[in-house]
């Protein structure tokens, strides 16, 4: 498998590309929006330095695994609309692969998270041949839980993540044949 197969993905309305450090200036306003930060950074919106640090971690993740989160752009306009993709994480002492998403608050309700996260699921199962995936969010984040439901994830259990109550969902690769 050549890494280039997953460094750039496309759906009907979106493109996802391996993020670069220069993307911090576009991502910061999306991530610092209080509506987004409330779900991902309850302690307060990330600073520009924290977004740059996140991109450093993304670059390291891509280097180690040859896959990771994508910077997501509107295919028609080229405008950055989020960060979505796969990332290694630890849940309850177990190494897992998470499908994670962050979409600009001004674009919520358009189905963009479900659309590009479905592409991440396809990549995980069809290209990377992963056995299963997890997704988790704060207990009260009903919109993200709906995305999980639309993607076919099933509620597994309540967990604590970053010191806060979350719900953990899981999706297993479909049997072929």
N, C-alpha and C. Protein backbone atom coordinates (compact mmCIF):
# COMPACT_ATOMS: atom_id res chain seq x y z
N UNK A 1 0.84 -1.18 0.00
CA UNK A 1 0.00 0.00 0.00
C UNK A 1 0.88 1.24 0.00
N UNK A 2 0.65 2.10 -0.93
CA UNK A 2 1.38 3.37 -0.97
C UNK A 2 0.66 4.37 -0.10
N UNK A 3 1.41 5.11 0.71
CA UNK A 3 0.81 6.08 1.62
C UNK A 3 -0.02 7.12 0.87
N UNK A 4 0.35 7.41 -0.37
CA UNK A 4 -0.35 8.44 -1.13
C UNK A 4 -1.83 8.10 -1.33
N UNK A 5 -2.20 6.84 -1.25
CA UNK A 5 -3.59 6.44 -1.41
C UNK A 5 -4.50 7.08 -0.36
N UNK A 6 -3.95 7.39 0.78
CA UNK A 6 -4.79 7.92 1.85
C UNK A 6 -4.37 9.32 2.29
N UNK A 7 -3.35 9.88 1.68
CA UNK A 7 -2.96 11.25 2.04
C UNK A 7 -3.92 12.27 1.47
N UNK A 8 -4.69 11.88 0.48
CA UNK A 8 -5.69 12.75 -0.12
C UNK A 8 -6.93 11.91 -0.41
N UNK A 9 -8.05 12.33 0.16
CA UNK A 9 -9.31 11.63 -0.08
C UNK A 9 -10.33 12.64 -0.57
N UNK A 10 -11.37 12.13 -1.19
CA UNK A 10 -12.39 13.02 -1.75
C UNK A 10 -13.75 12.38 -1.58
N UNK A 11 -14.73 13.21 -1.26
CA UNK A 11 -16.13 12.79 -1.25
C UNK A 11 -16.86 13.72 -2.22
N UNK A 12 -18.16 13.61 -2.27
CA UNK A 12 -18.93 14.45 -3.19
C UNK A 12 -18.71 15.94 -2.95
N UNK A 13 -18.58 16.35 -1.68
CA UNK A 13 -18.48 17.78 -1.37
C UNK A 13 -17.19 18.19 -0.70
N UNK A 14 -16.34 17.24 -0.37
CA UNK A 14 -15.18 17.54 0.47
C UNK A 14 -13.90 16.91 -0.05
N UNK A 15 -12.78 17.52 0.29
CA UNK A 15 -11.48 16.88 0.09
C UNK A 15 -10.77 16.87 1.43
N UNK A 16 -10.05 15.80 1.67
CA UNK A 16 -9.24 15.70 2.88
C UNK A 16 -7.80 15.50 2.46
N UNK A 17 -6.90 16.25 3.07
CA UNK A 17 -5.48 16.13 2.77
C UNK A 17 -4.68 16.03 4.07
N UNK A 18 -3.56 15.38 3.96
CA UNK A 18 -2.65 15.30 5.09
C UNK A 18 -2.33 16.73 5.53
N UNK A 19 -2.53 17.07 6.80
CA UNK A 19 -2.32 18.45 7.22
C UNK A 19 -0.85 18.85 7.22
N UNK A 20 -0.63 20.15 7.09
CA UNK A 20 0.71 20.73 7.12
C UNK A 20 0.72 21.83 8.17
N UNK A 21 1.90 22.20 8.63
CA UNK A 21 2.02 23.24 9.65
C UNK A 21 1.38 24.55 9.21
N UNK A 22 1.44 24.84 7.93
CA UNK A 22 0.88 26.09 7.42
C UNK A 22 -0.64 26.15 7.57
N UNK A 23 -1.28 25.02 7.87
CA UNK A 23 -2.73 24.98 8.02
C UNK A 23 -3.21 25.57 9.34
N UNK A 24 -2.29 25.82 10.26
CA UNK A 24 -2.69 26.31 11.58
C UNK A 24 -3.49 27.60 11.51
N UNK A 25 -3.10 28.50 10.62
CA UNK A 25 -3.80 29.79 10.52
C UNK A 25 -5.24 29.62 10.06
N UNK A 26 -5.51 28.59 9.25
CA UNK A 26 -6.89 28.33 8.82
C UNK A 26 -7.67 27.55 9.86
N UNK A 27 -7.01 26.61 10.54
CA UNK A 27 -7.70 25.77 11.51
C UNK A 27 -8.02 26.50 12.81
N UNK A 28 -7.14 27.40 13.23
CA UNK A 28 -7.35 28.03 14.53
C UNK A 28 -8.72 28.71 14.66
N UNK A 29 -9.16 29.53 13.71
CA UNK A 29 -10.48 30.17 13.89
C UNK A 29 -11.61 29.14 13.99
N UNK A 30 -11.49 28.02 13.28
CA UNK A 30 -12.54 27.00 13.34
C UNK A 30 -12.55 26.34 14.71
N UNK A 31 -11.36 26.00 15.21
CA UNK A 31 -11.25 25.30 16.49
C UNK A 31 -11.51 26.22 17.68
N UNK A 32 -11.19 27.50 17.53
CA UNK A 32 -11.37 28.44 18.63
C UNK A 32 -12.79 28.97 18.74
N UNK A 33 -13.62 28.68 17.75
CA UNK A 33 -15.03 29.08 17.82
C UNK A 33 -15.62 28.48 19.11
N UNK A 34 -16.23 29.29 19.96
CA UNK A 34 -16.75 28.78 21.24
C UNK A 34 -17.72 27.62 21.08
N UNK A 35 -18.45 27.57 19.98
CA UNK A 35 -19.40 26.46 19.76
C UNK A 35 -18.66 25.15 19.56
N UNK A 36 -17.52 25.17 18.90
CA UNK A 36 -16.69 23.98 18.70
C UNK A 36 -15.93 23.66 19.98
N UNK A 37 -15.28 24.68 20.53
CA UNK A 37 -14.46 24.49 21.72
C UNK A 37 -15.25 23.90 22.88
N UNK A 38 -16.53 24.21 22.97
CA UNK A 38 -17.35 23.68 24.06
C UNK A 38 -17.34 22.16 24.09
N UNK A 39 -17.22 21.51 22.93
CA UNK A 39 -17.22 20.05 22.85
C UNK A 39 -15.82 19.45 22.91
N UNK A 40 -14.83 20.16 22.38
CA UNK A 40 -13.50 19.57 22.27
C UNK A 40 -12.51 20.11 23.29
N UNK A 41 -12.72 21.33 23.76
CA UNK A 41 -11.83 21.95 24.74
C UNK A 41 -12.69 22.63 25.79
N UNK A 42 -13.36 21.86 26.64
CA UNK A 42 -14.27 22.47 27.63
C UNK A 42 -13.57 23.47 28.55
N UNK A 43 -12.25 23.35 28.69
CA UNK A 43 -11.52 24.29 29.54
C UNK A 43 -11.31 25.64 28.88
N UNK A 44 -11.62 25.73 27.59
CA UNK A 44 -11.50 26.99 26.86
C UNK A 44 -10.92 26.77 25.48
N UNK A 45 -11.21 27.67 24.54
CA UNK A 45 -10.73 27.51 23.16
C UNK A 45 -9.21 27.41 23.09
N UNK A 46 -8.70 26.64 22.13
CA UNK A 46 -7.25 26.52 21.99
C UNK A 46 -6.63 27.81 21.46
N UNK A 47 -5.42 28.06 21.87
CA UNK A 47 -4.66 29.20 21.37
C UNK A 47 -4.06 28.84 20.02
N UNK A 48 -3.57 29.81 19.27
CA UNK A 48 -2.85 29.48 18.03
C UNK A 48 -1.69 28.52 18.28
N UNK A 49 -0.98 28.68 19.38
CA UNK A 49 0.14 27.78 19.70
C UNK A 49 -0.36 26.35 19.94
N UNK A 50 -1.52 26.22 20.57
CA UNK A 50 -2.06 24.87 20.81
C UNK A 50 -2.50 24.21 19.51
N UNK A 51 -3.02 24.98 18.57
CA UNK A 51 -3.38 24.41 17.27
C UNK A 51 -2.12 23.99 16.52
N UNK A 52 -1.07 24.80 16.58
CA UNK A 52 0.20 24.41 15.95
C UNK A 52 0.74 23.13 16.59
N UNK A 53 0.64 23.02 17.91
CA UNK A 53 1.07 21.81 18.62
C UNK A 53 0.27 20.60 18.17
N UNK A 54 -1.03 20.79 17.96
CA UNK A 54 -1.87 19.71 17.46
C UNK A 54 -1.39 19.25 16.08
N UNK A 55 -1.02 20.18 15.24
CA UNK A 55 -0.52 19.83 13.90
C UNK A 55 0.84 19.14 13.97
N UNK A 56 1.64 19.47 14.95
CA UNK A 56 2.91 18.75 15.17
C UNK A 56 2.60 17.30 15.54
N UNK A 57 1.62 17.11 16.43
CA UNK A 57 1.23 15.74 16.80
C UNK A 57 0.65 14.99 15.60
N UNK A 58 -0.13 15.69 14.77
CA UNK A 58 -0.66 15.06 13.56
C UNK A 58 0.48 14.61 12.65
N UNK A 59 1.49 15.48 12.46
CA UNK A 59 2.62 15.14 11.60
C UNK A 59 3.37 13.93 12.15
N UNK A 60 3.55 13.89 13.46
CA UNK A 60 4.21 12.74 14.08
C UNK A 60 3.38 11.48 13.90
N UNK A 61 2.07 11.61 14.04
CA UNK A 61 1.17 10.45 13.87
C UNK A 61 1.30 9.92 12.44
N UNK A 62 1.24 10.82 11.46
CA UNK A 62 1.37 10.40 10.05
C UNK A 62 2.73 9.73 9.81
N UNK A 63 3.77 10.26 10.41
CA UNK A 63 5.12 9.70 10.23
C UNK A 63 5.20 8.28 10.80
N UNK A 64 4.62 8.08 11.98
CA UNK A 64 4.66 6.76 12.63
C UNK A 64 3.74 5.74 11.96
N UNK A 65 2.53 6.15 11.58
CA UNK A 65 1.51 5.20 11.12
C UNK A 65 1.25 5.21 9.61
N UNK A 66 1.64 6.30 8.95
CA UNK A 66 1.36 6.50 7.53
C UNK A 66 -0.12 6.73 7.26
N UNK A 67 -0.85 7.13 8.29
CA UNK A 67 -2.24 7.56 8.19
C UNK A 67 -2.53 8.46 9.40
N UNK A 68 -3.62 9.21 9.31
CA UNK A 68 -3.97 10.10 10.41
C UNK A 68 -5.11 11.02 10.04
N UNK A 69 -5.27 12.11 10.78
CA UNK A 69 -6.33 13.07 10.47
C UNK A 69 -6.02 13.85 9.19
N UNK A 70 -7.08 14.31 8.55
CA UNK A 70 -6.96 15.15 7.35
C UNK A 70 -7.45 16.56 7.67
N UNK A 71 -6.89 17.52 6.96
CA UNK A 71 -7.48 18.86 6.89
C UNK A 71 -8.59 18.71 5.85
N UNK A 72 -9.78 19.14 6.18
CA UNK A 72 -10.93 18.96 5.30
C UNK A 72 -11.31 20.31 4.71
N UNK A 73 -11.48 20.31 3.39
CA UNK A 73 -11.86 21.53 2.66
C UNK A 73 -13.12 21.28 1.86
N UNK A 74 -13.88 22.35 1.68
CA UNK A 74 -15.03 22.33 0.80
C UNK A 74 -14.48 22.16 -0.62
N UNK A 75 -14.92 21.14 -1.33
CA UNK A 75 -14.38 20.86 -2.67
C UNK A 75 -14.71 21.97 -3.66
N UNK A 76 -15.83 22.66 -3.47
CA UNK A 76 -16.22 23.71 -4.41
C UNK A 76 -15.46 25.02 -4.19
N UNK A 77 -15.22 25.36 -2.92
CA UNK A 77 -14.61 26.66 -2.62
C UNK A 77 -13.16 26.59 -2.18
N UNK A 78 -12.73 25.43 -1.70
CA UNK A 78 -11.38 25.30 -1.17
C UNK A 78 -11.24 25.78 0.26
N UNK A 79 -12.32 26.27 0.86
CA UNK A 79 -12.27 26.77 2.23
C UNK A 79 -12.12 25.61 3.21
N UNK A 80 -11.27 25.82 4.22
CA UNK A 80 -11.12 24.83 5.28
C UNK A 80 -12.43 24.73 6.06
N UNK A 81 -12.89 23.50 6.28
CA UNK A 81 -14.13 23.31 7.04
C UNK A 81 -13.95 22.37 8.23
N UNK A 82 -12.74 21.81 8.41
CA UNK A 82 -12.56 20.96 9.58
C UNK A 82 -11.32 20.09 9.54
N UNK A 83 -11.30 19.21 10.50
CA UNK A 83 -10.22 18.23 10.67
C UNK A 83 -10.90 16.92 11.03
N UNK A 84 -10.71 15.92 10.19
CA UNK A 84 -11.40 14.64 10.36
C UNK A 84 -10.44 13.53 9.98
N UNK A 85 -10.56 12.40 10.63
CA UNK A 85 -9.75 11.26 10.21
C UNK A 85 -9.53 10.26 11.31
N UNK A 86 -8.49 9.48 11.11
CA UNK A 86 -8.15 8.38 12.00
C UNK A 86 -6.99 8.77 12.89
N UNK A 87 -7.04 8.32 14.13
CA UNK A 87 -5.90 8.55 15.00
C UNK A 87 -5.84 7.47 16.07
N UNK A 88 -4.61 7.09 16.37
CA UNK A 88 -4.40 6.14 17.45
C UNK A 88 -4.67 6.82 18.78
N UNK A 89 -5.29 6.09 19.69
CA UNK A 89 -5.60 6.63 21.01
C UNK A 89 -5.65 5.48 22.01
N UNK A 90 -5.67 5.81 23.26
CA UNK A 90 -5.81 4.81 24.31
C UNK A 90 -7.14 5.02 25.00
N UNK A 91 -7.88 3.94 25.14
CA UNK A 91 -9.17 3.97 25.83
C UNK A 91 -9.17 2.85 26.85
N UNK A 92 -9.27 3.21 28.11
CA UNK A 92 -9.32 2.21 29.16
C UNK A 92 -8.10 1.30 29.18
N UNK A 93 -6.93 1.84 28.87
CA UNK A 93 -5.71 1.05 28.88
C UNK A 93 -5.49 0.21 27.63
N UNK A 94 -6.34 0.37 26.64
CA UNK A 94 -6.25 -0.42 25.40
C UNK A 94 -5.98 0.52 24.22
N UNK A 95 -5.04 0.16 23.37
CA UNK A 95 -4.77 0.93 22.16
C UNK A 95 -5.93 0.73 21.18
N UNK A 96 -6.42 1.83 20.66
CA UNK A 96 -7.55 1.82 19.73
C UNK A 96 -7.25 2.75 18.57
N UNK A 97 -8.05 2.65 17.51
CA UNK A 97 -8.02 3.63 16.43
C UNK A 97 -9.37 4.34 16.45
N UNK A 98 -9.29 5.64 16.57
CA UNK A 98 -10.48 6.48 16.68
C UNK A 98 -10.77 7.17 15.36
N UNK A 99 -12.04 7.26 15.02
CA UNK A 99 -12.49 8.16 13.97
C UNK A 99 -12.90 9.43 14.70
N UNK A 100 -12.22 10.53 14.38
CA UNK A 100 -12.47 11.79 15.07
C UNK A 100 -12.87 12.85 14.05
N UNK A 101 -13.71 13.79 14.47
CA UNK A 101 -14.12 14.85 13.55
C UNK A 101 -14.31 16.16 14.30
N UNK A 102 -14.03 17.22 13.56
CA UNK A 102 -14.28 18.59 14.00
C UNK A 102 -14.65 19.35 12.73
N UNK A 103 -15.86 19.83 12.70
CA UNK A 103 -16.36 20.60 11.55
C UNK A 103 -16.68 22.01 12.02
N UNK A 104 -16.39 23.00 11.17
CA UNK A 104 -16.68 24.40 11.49
C UNK A 104 -18.14 24.55 11.90
N UNK A 105 -18.35 25.27 12.99
CA UNK A 105 -19.71 25.42 13.52
C UNK A 105 -20.67 26.02 12.50
N UNK A 106 -20.18 26.92 11.66
CA UNK A 106 -21.06 27.52 10.64
C UNK A 106 -21.53 26.52 9.60
N UNK A 107 -20.93 25.33 9.56
CA UNK A 107 -21.31 24.30 8.60
C UNK A 107 -22.05 23.13 9.25
N UNK A 108 -22.31 23.21 10.55
CA UNK A 108 -23.04 22.15 11.23
C UNK A 108 -24.42 21.98 10.60
N UNK A 109 -24.90 20.75 10.62
CA UNK A 109 -26.23 20.45 10.11
C UNK A 109 -26.27 20.13 8.63
N UNK A 110 -25.12 20.18 7.95
CA UNK A 110 -25.07 19.89 6.52
C UNK A 110 -24.68 18.44 6.22
N UNK A 111 -24.39 17.65 7.24
CA UNK A 111 -23.98 16.27 7.02
C UNK A 111 -22.52 16.10 6.64
N UNK A 112 -21.72 17.15 6.80
CA UNK A 112 -20.31 17.07 6.39
C UNK A 112 -19.52 16.10 7.26
N UNK A 113 -19.75 16.10 8.57
CA UNK A 113 -19.02 15.18 9.45
C UNK A 113 -19.31 13.74 9.06
N UNK A 114 -20.57 13.43 8.83
CA UNK A 114 -20.93 12.06 8.45
C UNK A 114 -20.30 11.70 7.11
N UNK A 115 -20.33 12.61 6.16
CA UNK A 115 -19.79 12.35 4.82
C UNK A 115 -18.30 12.03 4.85
N UNK A 116 -17.50 12.86 5.50
CA UNK A 116 -16.05 12.63 5.47
C UNK A 116 -15.65 11.56 6.47
N UNK A 117 -16.37 11.42 7.58
CA UNK A 117 -16.06 10.33 8.52
C UNK A 117 -16.37 8.98 7.88
N UNK A 118 -17.38 8.91 7.02
CA UNK A 118 -17.66 7.66 6.30
C UNK A 118 -16.48 7.29 5.41
N UNK A 119 -15.83 8.30 4.83
CA UNK A 119 -14.64 8.03 4.02
C UNK A 119 -13.50 7.52 4.91
N UNK A 120 -13.38 8.06 6.11
CA UNK A 120 -12.36 7.58 7.05
C UNK A 120 -12.62 6.12 7.42
N UNK A 121 -13.89 5.77 7.63
CA UNK A 121 -14.25 4.37 7.92
C UNK A 121 -13.89 3.48 6.74
N UNK A 122 -14.18 3.95 5.52
CA UNK A 122 -13.84 3.16 4.33
C UNK A 122 -12.34 2.92 4.26
N UNK A 123 -11.56 3.97 4.46
CA UNK A 123 -10.10 3.84 4.43
C UNK A 123 -9.63 2.86 5.50
N UNK A 124 -10.18 2.97 6.70
CA UNK A 124 -9.78 2.10 7.81
C UNK A 124 -10.01 0.63 7.51
N UNK A 125 -11.16 0.33 6.92
CA UNK A 125 -11.51 -1.07 6.69
C UNK A 125 -11.02 -1.59 5.34
N UNK A 126 -11.19 -0.82 4.26
CA UNK A 126 -10.85 -1.31 2.92
C UNK A 126 -9.37 -1.19 2.59
N UNK A 127 -8.70 -0.17 3.10
CA UNK A 127 -7.29 0.03 2.76
C UNK A 127 -6.36 -0.41 3.88
N UNK A 128 -6.66 0.00 5.10
CA UNK A 128 -5.79 -0.34 6.23
C UNK A 128 -6.12 -1.70 6.84
N UNK A 129 -7.27 -2.26 6.51
CA UNK A 129 -7.72 -3.57 7.00
C UNK A 129 -7.76 -3.63 8.53
N UNK A 130 -8.17 -2.54 9.15
CA UNK A 130 -8.32 -2.54 10.61
C UNK A 130 -9.51 -3.39 11.00
N UNK A 131 -9.46 -3.98 12.17
CA UNK A 131 -10.54 -4.85 12.63
C UNK A 131 -11.73 -4.07 13.17
N UNK A 132 -11.44 -2.96 13.86
CA UNK A 132 -12.54 -2.16 14.38
C UNK A 132 -12.06 -0.75 14.66
N UNK A 133 -13.02 0.11 14.91
CA UNK A 133 -12.79 1.53 15.17
C UNK A 133 -13.61 1.95 16.37
N UNK A 134 -13.16 3.01 17.02
CA UNK A 134 -13.96 3.60 18.09
C UNK A 134 -14.22 5.06 17.76
N UNK A 135 -15.21 5.60 18.40
CA UNK A 135 -15.50 7.03 18.39
C UNK A 135 -16.04 7.34 19.78
N UNK A 136 -15.70 8.50 20.30
CA UNK A 136 -16.23 8.87 21.60
C UNK A 136 -16.43 10.37 21.68
N UNK A 137 -17.32 10.75 22.56
CA UNK A 137 -17.65 12.16 22.75
C UNK A 137 -18.21 12.36 24.14
N UNK A 138 -18.33 13.63 24.51
CA UNK A 138 -18.98 13.95 25.77
C UNK A 138 -20.41 13.39 25.76
N UNK A 139 -20.86 12.94 26.90
CA UNK A 139 -22.17 12.30 27.01
C UNK A 139 -23.28 13.14 26.38
N UNK A 140 -23.25 14.45 26.59
CA UNK A 140 -24.35 15.31 26.14
C UNK A 140 -24.21 15.80 24.70
N UNK A 141 -23.20 15.34 23.97
CA UNK A 141 -23.00 15.80 22.59
C UNK A 141 -23.86 14.98 21.62
N UNK A 142 -25.14 15.30 21.60
CA UNK A 142 -26.11 14.57 20.76
C UNK A 142 -25.76 14.62 19.27
N UNK A 143 -25.31 15.76 18.72
CA UNK A 143 -24.98 15.77 17.29
C UNK A 143 -23.88 14.76 16.91
N UNK A 144 -22.82 14.68 17.72
CA UNK A 144 -21.77 13.70 17.42
C UNK A 144 -22.27 12.28 17.60
N UNK A 145 -23.12 12.07 18.56
CA UNK A 145 -23.68 10.73 18.75
C UNK A 145 -24.54 10.34 17.54
N UNK A 146 -25.24 11.32 16.94
CA UNK A 146 -26.01 11.03 15.72
C UNK A 146 -25.08 10.66 14.57
N UNK A 147 -23.95 11.34 14.46
CA UNK A 147 -22.97 10.97 13.42
C UNK A 147 -22.54 9.52 13.62
N UNK A 148 -22.23 9.16 14.85
CA UNK A 148 -21.83 7.78 15.15
C UNK A 148 -22.92 6.79 14.73
N UNK A 149 -24.15 7.12 15.06
CA UNK A 149 -25.28 6.26 14.68
C UNK A 149 -25.39 6.14 13.16
N UNK A 150 -25.29 7.27 12.45
CA UNK A 150 -25.38 7.25 10.98
C UNK A 150 -24.28 6.40 10.35
N UNK A 151 -23.12 6.37 10.98
CA UNK A 151 -21.99 5.60 10.45
C UNK A 151 -22.09 4.12 10.82
N UNK A 152 -23.03 3.76 11.67
CA UNK A 152 -23.19 2.36 12.05
C UNK A 152 -22.49 1.97 13.34
N UNK A 153 -21.88 2.93 14.03
CA UNK A 153 -21.24 2.63 15.32
C UNK A 153 -22.31 2.26 16.33
N UNK A 154 -21.96 1.41 17.28
CA UNK A 154 -22.88 1.01 18.34
C UNK A 154 -22.32 1.46 19.69
N UNK A 155 -23.19 1.96 20.53
CA UNK A 155 -22.79 2.34 21.88
C UNK A 155 -22.19 1.14 22.58
N UNK A 156 -21.03 1.34 23.20
CA UNK A 156 -20.38 0.25 23.95
C UNK A 156 -20.45 0.47 25.45
N UNK A 157 -20.04 1.67 25.91
CA UNK A 157 -20.07 1.92 27.35
C UNK A 157 -19.74 3.38 27.63
N UNK A 158 -20.00 3.78 28.86
CA UNK A 158 -19.57 5.09 29.34
C UNK A 158 -18.11 4.97 29.75
N UNK A 159 -17.34 6.03 29.48
CA UNK A 159 -15.94 6.06 29.86
C UNK A 159 -15.61 7.45 30.41
N UNK A 160 -14.44 7.56 31.00
CA UNK A 160 -13.92 8.86 31.38
C UNK A 160 -12.76 9.15 30.44
N UNK A 161 -12.77 10.34 29.85
CA UNK A 161 -11.69 10.77 28.95
C UNK A 161 -11.36 12.21 29.29
N UNK A 162 -10.10 12.51 29.45
CA UNK A 162 -9.65 13.85 29.81
C UNK A 162 -10.36 14.35 31.07
N UNK A 163 -10.67 13.40 31.98
CA UNK A 163 -11.30 13.76 33.24
C UNK A 163 -12.78 14.07 33.15
N UNK A 164 -13.39 13.79 31.98
CA UNK A 164 -14.81 14.12 31.78
C UNK A 164 -15.58 12.88 31.32
N UNK A 165 -16.89 12.80 31.63
CA UNK A 165 -17.69 11.66 31.20
C UNK A 165 -17.92 11.68 29.68
N UNK A 166 -17.62 10.57 29.07
CA UNK A 166 -17.80 10.39 27.63
C UNK A 166 -18.57 9.09 27.38
N UNK A 167 -19.05 8.94 26.15
CA UNK A 167 -19.61 7.67 25.69
C UNK A 167 -18.69 7.12 24.61
N UNK A 168 -18.49 5.81 24.65
CA UNK A 168 -17.64 5.12 23.69
C UNK A 168 -18.52 4.29 22.76
N UNK A 169 -18.29 4.47 21.47
CA UNK A 169 -18.99 3.70 20.44
C UNK A 169 -17.95 2.89 19.67
N UNK A 170 -18.37 1.77 19.08
CA UNK A 170 -17.46 0.90 18.34
C UNK A 170 -18.12 0.44 17.03
N UNK A 171 -17.28 0.26 16.03
CA UNK A 171 -17.72 -0.28 14.74
C UNK A 171 -16.69 -1.32 14.32
N UNK A 172 -17.16 -2.52 14.01
CA UNK A 172 -16.27 -3.58 13.55
C UNK A 172 -16.35 -3.72 12.05
N UNK A 173 -15.22 -4.14 11.46
CA UNK A 173 -15.17 -4.32 10.00
C UNK A 173 -16.18 -5.40 9.62
N UNK A 174 -16.95 -5.12 8.59
CA UNK A 174 -17.94 -6.12 8.14
C UNK A 174 -17.24 -7.35 7.60
N UNK A 175 -17.85 -8.50 7.83
CA UNK A 175 -17.32 -9.74 7.26
C UNK A 175 -17.53 -9.71 5.76
N UNK A 176 -16.56 -10.20 5.03
CA UNK A 176 -16.65 -10.22 3.56
C UNK A 176 -16.96 -11.64 3.14
N UNK A 177 -17.91 -11.75 2.22
CA UNK A 177 -18.20 -13.05 1.65
C UNK A 177 -19.45 -13.58 2.17
